[in-house]
Structures are given as C-alpha cells and as structure tokens.
Amino acid sequence: MNAFPGRRYGYGYGYGFGASYEYKSPLTIGGLPVLHVCGGVDPQTLRPRMAKGVIAIGNIAVGIVAIGGVACGLFTVGGASLGLLAAVGGAALGLGVSVGGFAVGSIAIGGAAIGVLYAVGGVAIAPAVLDGSRCDAALLEAARRWLGRVSLPPNCR
C-alpha cells in the first residue's frame, strides 16, 4: 500500500524513504517546460532524475534559472554551481559573478576566490584583490561605483 498516492518510489538516494517525484509545467518555451521540479531516482532506469527547464529545481538541474545539488545554467544556485552570468554555491564557477566557499569567475567572492577582474575573500587571487592582507584601490573604486557608500575593512583604512 502506498502511503502517498501519486508518488512513485525507487531505490537509492532521494527524499524521504527513496521517494521519487517529478513535476513539469504544461506551459513550454522553446520545447522546455517553464518549471521542472524533480528529485530522487527514476524507478525504470534507476538513474538520478535531471530537471531541465526554464526554471529547473532538483538534485541535478539544468536551465536558465537552475537550483539544485548540481546546477548548470545562466543563473544558478547549488552545491556545485556552474553559471554563465551568476553562480552561487559551495563551489561556484562562472563567467560573471561567482559567490561561494570556492568561487571562480570574472568577479569572485568567497572563502577561496579566483577572479579574472576582481576577487574578494579569505584567500583571493585576481588583478584587484580584497582579502585579509591586501586592499587594492581599483577594487574599492569599483565597489563604490556599483554599491555607493561602502564601509571599509580595517586593513583598507
């Protein structure tokens, strides 16, 4: 007897006791559903479900906006996040702004940050850096231009 009608159960990791679920919105743009939410393992193939859509949410998510354990897209949030414009996550890699424990991107903010233009973090590598020991004037000027008034860390005063 299934305690949750409408839900399929599979083996392996997932939510709850191996629960597997999937929702695709009926509205599509360019063949992709506007919203695709899924998780767990597909009971027929025993493979992890992958969310693919304009907005994708799941263990593995691919979309314009992707949220998941592994997320790939334009704007991403996830444990491992690969984003073209913005990436936020434990490990964030992107061409634009990346924010995470380990961040790599044009502008990188994180515990360990590697930036093409700017980097802010505990350990930062970039042409313009703000970390525990350095405070570059180019980065401060860019921050003032983008954010307006900026409070300076003690090593920048």
N, C-alpha and C. Protein backbone atom coordinates (compact mmCIF):
# COMPACT_ATOMS: atom_id res chain seq x y z
N MET A 1 0.84 -1.18 0.00
CA MET A 1 0.00 0.00 0.00
C MET A 1 0.89 1.24 0.00
N ASN A 2 0.57 2.18 -0.85
CA ASN A 2 1.34 3.41 -0.97
C ASN A 2 0.72 4.48 -0.07
N ALA A 3 1.52 4.98 0.88
CA ALA A 3 1.02 5.99 1.81
C ALA A 3 0.83 7.34 1.14
N PHE A 4 1.53 7.54 0.01
CA PHE A 4 1.44 8.81 -0.71
C PHE A 4 0.99 8.54 -2.14
N PRO A 5 -0.30 8.58 -2.40
CA PRO A 5 -0.77 8.32 -3.76
C PRO A 5 -0.23 9.37 -4.73
N GLY A 6 0.10 8.93 -5.90
CA GLY A 6 0.63 9.85 -6.91
C GLY A 6 2.14 9.94 -6.88
N ARG A 7 2.78 9.42 -5.85
CA ARG A 7 4.25 9.42 -5.79
C ARG A 7 4.75 8.02 -6.09
N ARG A 8 5.84 7.98 -6.85
CA ARG A 8 6.47 6.69 -7.15
C ARG A 8 7.71 6.56 -6.28
N TYR A 9 7.97 5.35 -5.89
CA TYR A 9 9.14 5.10 -5.04
C TYR A 9 10.17 4.30 -5.83
N GLY A 10 11.44 4.63 -5.60
CA GLY A 10 12.52 3.93 -6.27
C GLY A 10 13.61 3.63 -5.26
N TYR A 11 14.60 2.93 -5.69
CA TYR A 11 15.71 2.57 -4.83
C TYR A 11 16.80 3.61 -4.96
N GLY A 12 17.63 3.74 -3.94
CA GLY A 12 18.75 4.67 -3.98
C GLY A 12 18.45 5.91 -3.17
N TYR A 13 19.21 6.94 -3.46
CA TYR A 13 19.04 8.17 -2.70
C TYR A 13 17.82 8.92 -3.19
N GLY A 14 17.34 9.80 -2.38
CA GLY A 14 16.18 10.59 -2.76
C GLY A 14 15.66 11.32 -1.55
N TYR A 15 14.43 11.66 -1.55
CA TYR A 15 13.81 12.38 -0.45
C TYR A 15 12.97 11.40 0.34
N GLY A 16 13.12 11.43 1.62
CA GLY A 16 12.38 10.50 2.45
C GLY A 16 12.93 9.10 2.33
N PHE A 17 12.08 8.13 2.10
CA PHE A 17 12.48 6.72 2.02
C PHE A 17 12.65 6.32 0.55
N GLY A 18 13.52 7.03 -0.17
CA GLY A 18 13.73 6.71 -1.58
C GLY A 18 12.64 7.28 -2.46
N ALA A 19 11.91 8.26 -1.96
CA ALA A 19 10.81 8.83 -2.73
C ALA A 19 11.35 9.49 -3.99
N SER A 20 10.62 9.36 -5.06
CA SER A 20 10.98 9.95 -6.32
C SER A 20 9.78 10.77 -6.81
N TYR A 21 10.03 11.95 -7.32
CA TYR A 21 8.91 12.78 -7.77
C TYR A 21 9.34 13.60 -8.98
N GLU A 22 8.34 14.09 -9.70
CA GLU A 22 8.61 14.94 -10.87
C GLU A 22 7.37 15.77 -11.17
N TYR A 23 7.60 17.05 -11.47
CA TYR A 23 6.53 17.93 -11.93
C TYR A 23 7.05 18.73 -13.11
N LYS A 24 6.33 18.74 -14.20
CA LYS A 24 6.63 19.57 -15.36
C LYS A 24 5.41 20.44 -15.63
N SER A 25 5.66 21.74 -15.78
CA SER A 25 4.53 22.62 -16.09
C SER A 25 4.09 22.36 -17.53
N PRO A 26 2.80 22.49 -17.79
CA PRO A 26 2.31 22.25 -19.15
C PRO A 26 2.75 23.33 -20.14
N LEU A 27 3.07 24.53 -19.64
CA LEU A 27 3.49 25.63 -20.50
C LEU A 27 4.97 25.45 -20.85
N THR A 28 5.30 25.54 -22.14
CA THR A 28 6.69 25.38 -22.57
C THR A 28 7.15 26.61 -23.34
N ILE A 29 8.46 26.83 -23.31
CA ILE A 29 9.10 27.88 -24.10
C ILE A 29 10.26 27.22 -24.83
N GLY A 30 10.20 27.20 -26.15
CA GLY A 30 11.26 26.58 -26.93
C GLY A 30 11.43 25.10 -26.64
N GLY A 31 10.35 24.40 -26.34
CA GLY A 31 10.40 22.98 -26.05
C GLY A 31 10.77 22.64 -24.62
N LEU A 32 11.13 23.63 -23.81
CA LEU A 32 11.45 23.40 -22.40
C LEU A 32 10.27 23.82 -21.53
N PRO A 33 9.93 23.03 -20.52
CA PRO A 33 8.87 23.47 -19.62
C PRO A 33 9.30 24.72 -18.85
N VAL A 34 8.36 25.58 -18.55
CA VAL A 34 8.68 26.79 -17.79
C VAL A 34 9.19 26.40 -16.41
N LEU A 35 8.60 25.39 -15.78
CA LEU A 35 9.04 24.91 -14.47
C LEU A 35 9.16 23.40 -14.51
N HIS A 36 10.32 22.90 -14.10
CA HIS A 36 10.52 21.46 -13.98
C HIS A 36 11.14 21.20 -12.62
N VAL A 37 10.43 20.46 -11.79
CA VAL A 37 10.90 20.12 -10.44
C VAL A 37 10.93 18.59 -10.36
N CYS A 38 12.07 18.05 -9.96
CA CYS A 38 12.14 16.61 -9.80
C CYS A 38 13.25 16.24 -8.84
N GLY A 39 13.19 15.02 -8.34
CA GLY A 39 14.21 14.54 -7.43
C GLY A 39 14.13 13.05 -7.28
N GLY A 40 15.16 12.50 -6.67
CA GLY A 40 15.20 11.07 -6.46
C GLY A 40 15.71 10.33 -7.67
N VAL A 41 15.34 9.06 -7.77
CA VAL A 41 15.82 8.18 -8.83
C VAL A 41 14.63 7.73 -9.66
N ASP A 42 14.80 7.68 -10.98
CA ASP A 42 13.77 7.18 -11.86
C ASP A 42 13.63 5.67 -11.64
N PRO A 43 12.45 5.17 -11.27
CA PRO A 43 12.31 3.75 -10.95
C PRO A 43 12.55 2.82 -12.14
N GLN A 44 12.32 3.28 -13.37
CA GLN A 44 12.52 2.43 -14.53
C GLN A 44 13.99 2.30 -14.91
N THR A 45 14.72 3.43 -14.92
CA THR A 45 16.12 3.41 -15.36
C THR A 45 17.10 3.33 -14.19
N LEU A 46 16.63 3.61 -12.97
CA LEU A 46 17.46 3.67 -11.77
C LEU A 46 18.58 4.71 -11.89
N ARG A 47 18.32 5.74 -12.67
CA ARG A 47 19.24 6.87 -12.79
C ARG A 47 18.67 8.07 -12.04
N PRO A 48 19.56 8.96 -11.58
CA PRO A 48 19.03 10.16 -10.92
C PRO A 48 18.21 11.00 -11.90
N ARG A 49 17.14 11.56 -11.40
CA ARG A 49 16.31 12.43 -12.25
C ARG A 49 17.04 13.75 -12.47
N MET A 50 16.90 14.31 -13.67
CA MET A 50 17.51 15.58 -14.00
C MET A 50 16.40 16.56 -14.40
N ALA A 51 16.40 17.72 -13.73
CA ALA A 51 15.41 18.75 -14.05
C ALA A 51 15.95 19.61 -15.19
N LYS A 52 15.18 19.73 -16.26
CA LYS A 52 15.55 20.55 -17.41
C LYS A 52 14.38 21.46 -17.73
N GLY A 53 14.59 22.77 -17.63
CA GLY A 53 13.52 23.70 -17.93
C GLY A 53 14.00 25.13 -17.83
N VAL A 54 13.13 26.06 -18.13
CA VAL A 54 13.47 27.47 -17.97
C VAL A 54 13.83 27.71 -16.51
N ILE A 55 13.00 27.22 -15.60
CA ILE A 55 13.33 27.19 -14.17
C ILE A 55 13.40 25.71 -13.80
N ALA A 56 14.59 25.27 -13.40
CA ALA A 56 14.81 23.86 -13.09
C ALA A 56 15.21 23.72 -11.63
N ILE A 57 14.52 22.85 -10.91
CA ILE A 57 14.81 22.62 -9.49
C ILE A 57 14.89 21.12 -9.27
N GLY A 58 16.02 20.66 -8.73
CA GLY A 58 16.17 19.24 -8.47
C GLY A 58 17.58 18.89 -8.03
N ASN A 59 17.82 17.60 -7.80
CA ASN A 59 19.16 17.16 -7.42
C ASN A 59 20.17 17.59 -8.47
N ILE A 60 19.83 17.38 -9.74
CA ILE A 60 20.62 17.83 -10.88
C ILE A 60 19.70 18.73 -11.68
N ALA A 61 20.11 19.99 -11.89
CA ALA A 61 19.23 20.96 -12.54
C ALA A 61 19.97 21.68 -13.67
N VAL A 62 19.31 21.77 -14.83
CA VAL A 62 19.85 22.47 -15.98
C VAL A 62 18.76 23.40 -16.50
N GLY A 63 19.04 24.71 -16.55
CA GLY A 63 18.05 25.65 -17.05
C GLY A 63 18.55 27.07 -17.02
N ILE A 64 17.72 27.99 -17.44
CA ILE A 64 18.08 29.40 -17.38
C ILE A 64 18.27 29.78 -15.91
N VAL A 65 17.33 29.39 -15.06
CA VAL A 65 17.48 29.51 -13.61
C VAL A 65 17.51 28.07 -13.08
N ALA A 66 18.64 27.67 -12.49
CA ALA A 66 18.79 26.30 -12.02
C ALA A 66 19.12 26.29 -10.54
N ILE A 67 18.38 25.48 -9.79
CA ILE A 67 18.58 25.35 -8.35
C ILE A 67 18.67 23.87 -8.03
N GLY A 68 19.80 23.45 -7.44
CA GLY A 68 19.94 22.04 -7.12
C GLY A 68 21.29 21.70 -6.55
N GLY A 69 21.48 20.43 -6.26
CA GLY A 69 22.77 19.96 -5.76
C GLY A 69 23.86 20.24 -6.76
N VAL A 70 23.60 19.90 -8.02
CA VAL A 70 24.46 20.26 -9.15
C VAL A 70 23.60 21.11 -10.07
N ALA A 71 23.99 22.35 -10.29
CA ALA A 71 23.17 23.28 -11.07
C ALA A 71 23.98 23.88 -12.21
N CYS A 72 23.42 23.88 -13.43
CA CYS A 72 24.06 24.46 -14.61
C CYS A 72 23.05 25.35 -15.31
N GLY A 73 23.48 26.57 -15.68
CA GLY A 73 22.59 27.48 -16.39
C GLY A 73 23.11 28.89 -16.41
N LEU A 74 22.21 29.84 -16.70
CA LEU A 74 22.60 31.25 -16.69
C LEU A 74 22.72 31.78 -15.27
N PHE A 75 21.71 31.53 -14.45
CA PHE A 75 21.70 31.92 -13.04
C PHE A 75 21.54 30.64 -12.24
N THR A 76 22.52 30.33 -11.38
CA THR A 76 22.49 29.04 -10.71
C THR A 76 22.71 29.17 -9.21
N VAL A 77 22.07 28.28 -8.47
CA VAL A 77 22.28 28.16 -7.03
C VAL A 77 22.37 26.67 -6.74
N GLY A 78 23.47 26.25 -6.10
CA GLY A 78 23.60 24.83 -5.81
C GLY A 78 24.89 24.51 -5.09
N GLY A 79 25.00 23.27 -4.67
CA GLY A 79 26.23 22.82 -4.03
C GLY A 79 27.41 22.96 -4.97
N ALA A 80 27.25 22.44 -6.18
CA ALA A 80 28.20 22.66 -7.26
C ALA A 80 27.46 23.45 -8.32
N SER A 81 27.86 24.69 -8.54
CA SER A 81 27.10 25.61 -9.35
C SER A 81 27.93 26.11 -10.53
N LEU A 82 27.44 25.87 -11.76
CA LEU A 82 28.09 26.35 -12.98
C LEU A 82 27.15 27.33 -13.66
N GLY A 83 27.44 28.63 -13.55
CA GLY A 83 26.55 29.63 -14.11
C GLY A 83 27.24 30.58 -15.05
N LEU A 84 26.59 30.91 -16.15
CA LEU A 84 27.20 31.84 -17.09
C LEU A 84 27.20 33.27 -16.55
N LEU A 85 26.07 33.75 -16.06
CA LEU A 85 26.00 35.12 -15.55
C LEU A 85 26.21 35.20 -14.05
N ALA A 86 25.64 34.27 -13.31
CA ALA A 86 25.79 34.30 -11.84
C ALA A 86 25.75 32.87 -11.31
N ALA A 87 26.67 32.59 -10.39
CA ALA A 87 26.73 31.27 -9.76
C ALA A 87 26.88 31.45 -8.26
N VAL A 88 26.02 30.79 -7.49
CA VAL A 88 26.08 30.84 -6.04
C VAL A 88 26.07 29.41 -5.53
N GLY A 89 27.05 29.07 -4.68
CA GLY A 89 27.06 27.71 -4.15
C GLY A 89 28.33 27.41 -3.40
N GLY A 90 28.42 26.18 -2.92
CA GLY A 90 29.62 25.75 -2.22
C GLY A 90 30.83 25.86 -3.12
N ALA A 91 30.72 25.35 -4.32
CA ALA A 91 31.73 25.53 -5.36
C ALA A 91 31.02 26.24 -6.52
N ALA A 92 31.38 27.49 -6.77
CA ALA A 92 30.70 28.29 -7.78
C ALA A 92 31.67 28.67 -8.89
N LEU A 93 31.38 28.26 -10.11
CA LEU A 93 32.19 28.58 -11.26
C LEU A 93 31.32 29.29 -12.27
N GLY A 94 31.80 30.43 -12.80
CA GLY A 94 31.00 31.15 -13.77
C GLY A 94 31.80 32.17 -14.53
N LEU A 95 31.21 32.68 -15.59
CA LEU A 95 31.84 33.73 -16.37
C LEU A 95 31.54 35.11 -15.79
N GLY A 96 30.49 35.24 -15.05
CA GLY A 96 30.11 36.52 -14.46
C GLY A 96 30.49 36.58 -12.99
N VAL A 97 29.49 36.78 -12.14
CA VAL A 97 29.71 36.88 -10.70
C VAL A 97 29.58 35.49 -10.08
N SER A 98 30.56 35.11 -9.28
CA SER A 98 30.53 33.83 -8.58
C SER A 98 30.69 34.06 -7.09
N VAL A 99 29.79 33.46 -6.31
CA VAL A 99 29.83 33.61 -4.86
C VAL A 99 29.76 32.22 -4.25
N GLY A 100 30.73 31.88 -3.42
CA GLY A 100 30.70 30.57 -2.79
C GLY A 100 31.91 30.31 -1.92
N GLY A 101 31.93 29.17 -1.29
CA GLY A 101 33.09 28.79 -0.50
C GLY A 101 34.34 28.76 -1.36
N PHE A 102 34.21 28.18 -2.56
CA PHE A 102 35.26 28.23 -3.58
C PHE A 102 34.62 28.88 -4.79
N ALA A 103 35.10 30.05 -5.19
CA ALA A 103 34.47 30.80 -6.27
C ALA A 103 35.49 31.13 -7.35
N VAL A 104 35.12 30.88 -8.60
CA VAL A 104 35.94 31.22 -9.76
C VAL A 104 35.05 31.95 -10.74
N GLY A 105 35.46 33.15 -11.19
CA GLY A 105 34.67 33.90 -12.15
C GLY A 105 35.31 35.24 -12.44
N SER A 106 34.64 36.04 -13.25
CA SER A 106 35.13 37.38 -13.54
C SER A 106 35.21 38.20 -12.25
N ILE A 107 34.14 38.10 -11.47
CA ILE A 107 34.10 38.71 -10.14
C ILE A 107 33.82 37.56 -9.18
N ALA A 108 34.77 37.26 -8.31
CA ALA A 108 34.64 36.11 -7.42
C ALA A 108 34.63 36.57 -5.97
N ILE A 109 33.67 36.06 -5.21
CA ILE A 109 33.54 36.39 -3.79
C ILE A 109 33.39 35.07 -3.04
N GLY A 110 34.31 34.81 -2.10
CA GLY A 110 34.21 33.57 -1.36
C GLY A 110 35.39 33.34 -0.46
N GLY A 111 35.35 32.22 0.25
CA GLY A 111 36.45 31.87 1.12
C GLY A 111 37.75 31.75 0.34
N ALA A 112 37.70 31.05 -0.76
CA ALA A 112 38.81 30.99 -1.72
C ALA A 112 38.25 31.53 -3.03
N ALA A 113 38.74 32.68 -3.47
CA ALA A 113 38.18 33.36 -4.63
C ALA A 113 39.25 33.57 -5.69
N ILE A 114 38.97 33.13 -6.91
CA ILE A 114 39.86 33.36 -8.04
C ILE A 114 39.07 34.13 -9.08
N GLY A 115 39.49 35.38 -9.33
CA GLY A 115 38.75 36.23 -10.24
C GLY A 115 39.57 36.69 -11.42
N VAL A 116 38.90 36.88 -12.55
CA VAL A 116 39.56 37.43 -13.73
C VAL A 116 39.75 38.93 -13.56
N LEU A 117 38.75 39.62 -13.00
CA LEU A 117 38.84 41.06 -12.77
C LEU A 117 39.03 41.39 -11.29
N TYR A 118 38.11 40.88 -10.45
CA TYR A 118 38.12 41.20 -9.03
C TYR A 118 37.93 39.93 -8.22
N ALA A 119 38.52 39.93 -7.02
CA ALA A 119 38.32 38.82 -6.10
C ALA A 119 38.25 39.35 -4.68
N VAL A 120 37.28 38.88 -3.92
CA VAL A 120 37.11 39.25 -2.52
C VAL A 120 36.97 37.96 -1.73
N GLY A 121 37.81 37.78 -0.70
CA GLY A 121 37.69 36.58 0.09
C GLY A 121 38.83 36.39 1.06
N GLY A 122 38.77 35.29 1.77
CA GLY A 122 39.83 34.96 2.71
C GLY A 122 41.16 34.77 2.00
N VAL A 123 41.14 34.01 0.91
CA VAL A 123 42.28 33.86 0.01
C VAL A 123 41.78 34.30 -1.36
N ALA A 124 42.33 35.36 -1.90
CA ALA A 124 41.85 35.92 -3.15
C ALA A 124 42.99 36.07 -4.15
N ILE A 125 42.72 35.67 -5.39
CA ILE A 125 43.70 35.78 -6.47
C ILE A 125 43.01 36.47 -7.64
N ALA A 126 43.52 37.63 -8.02
CA ALA A 126 42.98 38.39 -9.15
C ALA A 126 43.85 39.64 -9.35
N PRO A 127 43.65 40.37 -10.44
CA PRO A 127 44.37 41.64 -10.60
C PRO A 127 44.03 42.65 -9.51
N ALA A 128 42.78 42.69 -9.07
CA ALA A 128 42.36 43.59 -7.99
C ALA A 128 41.78 42.72 -6.87
N VAL A 129 42.36 42.82 -5.67
CA VAL A 129 42.06 41.88 -4.60
C VAL A 129 41.68 42.61 -3.32
N LEU A 130 40.73 42.03 -2.59
CA LEU A 130 40.44 42.43 -1.22
C LEU A 130 40.40 41.16 -0.39
N ASP A 131 41.43 40.98 0.44
CA ASP A 131 41.47 39.82 1.33
C ASP A 131 41.99 40.25 2.69
N GLY A 132 42.41 39.32 3.50
CA GLY A 132 42.84 39.65 4.85
C GLY A 132 44.06 40.54 4.92
N SER A 133 44.89 40.54 3.87
CA SER A 133 46.13 41.31 3.94
C SER A 133 46.24 42.42 2.90
N ARG A 134 45.44 42.37 1.86
CA ARG A 134 45.54 43.37 0.79
C ARG A 134 44.20 44.05 0.53
N CYS A 135 44.33 45.27 0.05
CA CYS A 135 43.15 46.06 -0.27
C CYS A 135 43.50 46.94 -1.47
N ASP A 136 43.15 46.51 -2.68
CA ASP A 136 43.51 47.26 -3.88
C ASP A 136 42.55 48.41 -4.12
N ALA A 137 43.13 49.54 -4.53
CA ALA A 137 42.34 50.75 -4.78
C ALA A 137 41.37 50.55 -5.93
N ALA A 138 41.75 49.76 -6.96
CA ALA A 138 40.87 49.54 -8.10
C ALA A 138 39.59 48.83 -7.68
N LEU A 139 39.69 47.87 -6.79
CA LEU A 139 38.51 47.15 -6.32
C LEU A 139 37.62 48.04 -5.47
N LEU A 140 38.23 48.86 -4.62
CA LEU A 140 37.44 49.77 -3.79
C LEU A 140 36.70 50.79 -4.65
N GLU A 141 37.35 51.29 -5.70
CA GLU A 141 36.69 52.25 -6.59
C GLU A 141 35.53 51.59 -7.33
N ALA A 142 35.72 50.36 -7.78
CA ALA A 142 34.63 49.63 -8.45
C ALA A 142 33.48 49.38 -7.49
N ALA A 143 33.77 49.00 -6.24
CA ALA A 143 32.72 48.77 -5.25
C ALA A 143 31.95 50.05 -4.96
N ARG A 144 32.64 51.16 -4.86
CA ARG A 144 31.94 52.44 -4.63
C ARG A 144 31.06 52.81 -5.82
N ARG A 145 31.54 52.52 -7.03
CA ARG A 145 30.77 52.84 -8.24
C ARG A 145 29.50 51.97 -8.30
N TRP A 146 29.59 50.69 -7.94
CA TRP A 146 28.44 49.79 -8.03
C TRP A 146 27.51 49.91 -6.84
N LEU A 147 28.08 50.03 -5.64
CA LEU A 147 27.28 49.94 -4.43
C LEU A 147 27.04 51.26 -3.72
N GLY A 148 27.70 52.31 -4.17
CA GLY A 148 27.57 53.59 -3.47
C GLY A 148 28.51 53.64 -2.30
N ARG A 149 28.00 54.02 -1.16
CA ARG A 149 28.84 54.10 0.03
C ARG A 149 29.20 52.71 0.53
N VAL A 150 30.48 52.48 0.74
CA VAL A 150 30.97 51.17 1.16
C VAL A 150 31.73 51.32 2.46
N SER A 151 31.42 50.49 3.45
CA SER A 151 32.21 50.50 4.67
C SER A 151 33.48 49.70 4.43
N LEU A 152 34.61 50.23 4.83
CA LEU A 152 35.89 49.64 4.53
C LEU A 152 36.34 48.70 5.64
N PRO A 153 36.96 47.58 5.28
CA PRO A 153 37.53 46.72 6.30
C PRO A 153 38.72 47.42 6.99
N PRO A 154 39.13 46.97 8.16
CA PRO A 154 40.20 47.64 8.90
C PRO A 154 41.52 47.74 8.14
N ASN A 155 41.85 46.77 7.28
CA ASN A 155 43.11 46.84 6.57
C ASN A 155 43.09 47.81 5.39
N CYS A 156 41.95 48.43 5.09
CA CYS A 156 41.84 49.36 3.97
C CYS A 156 41.83 50.82 4.42
N ARG A 157 41.86 51.10 5.67
CA ARG A 157 41.71 52.47 6.13
C ARG A 157 43.02 53.17 6.19
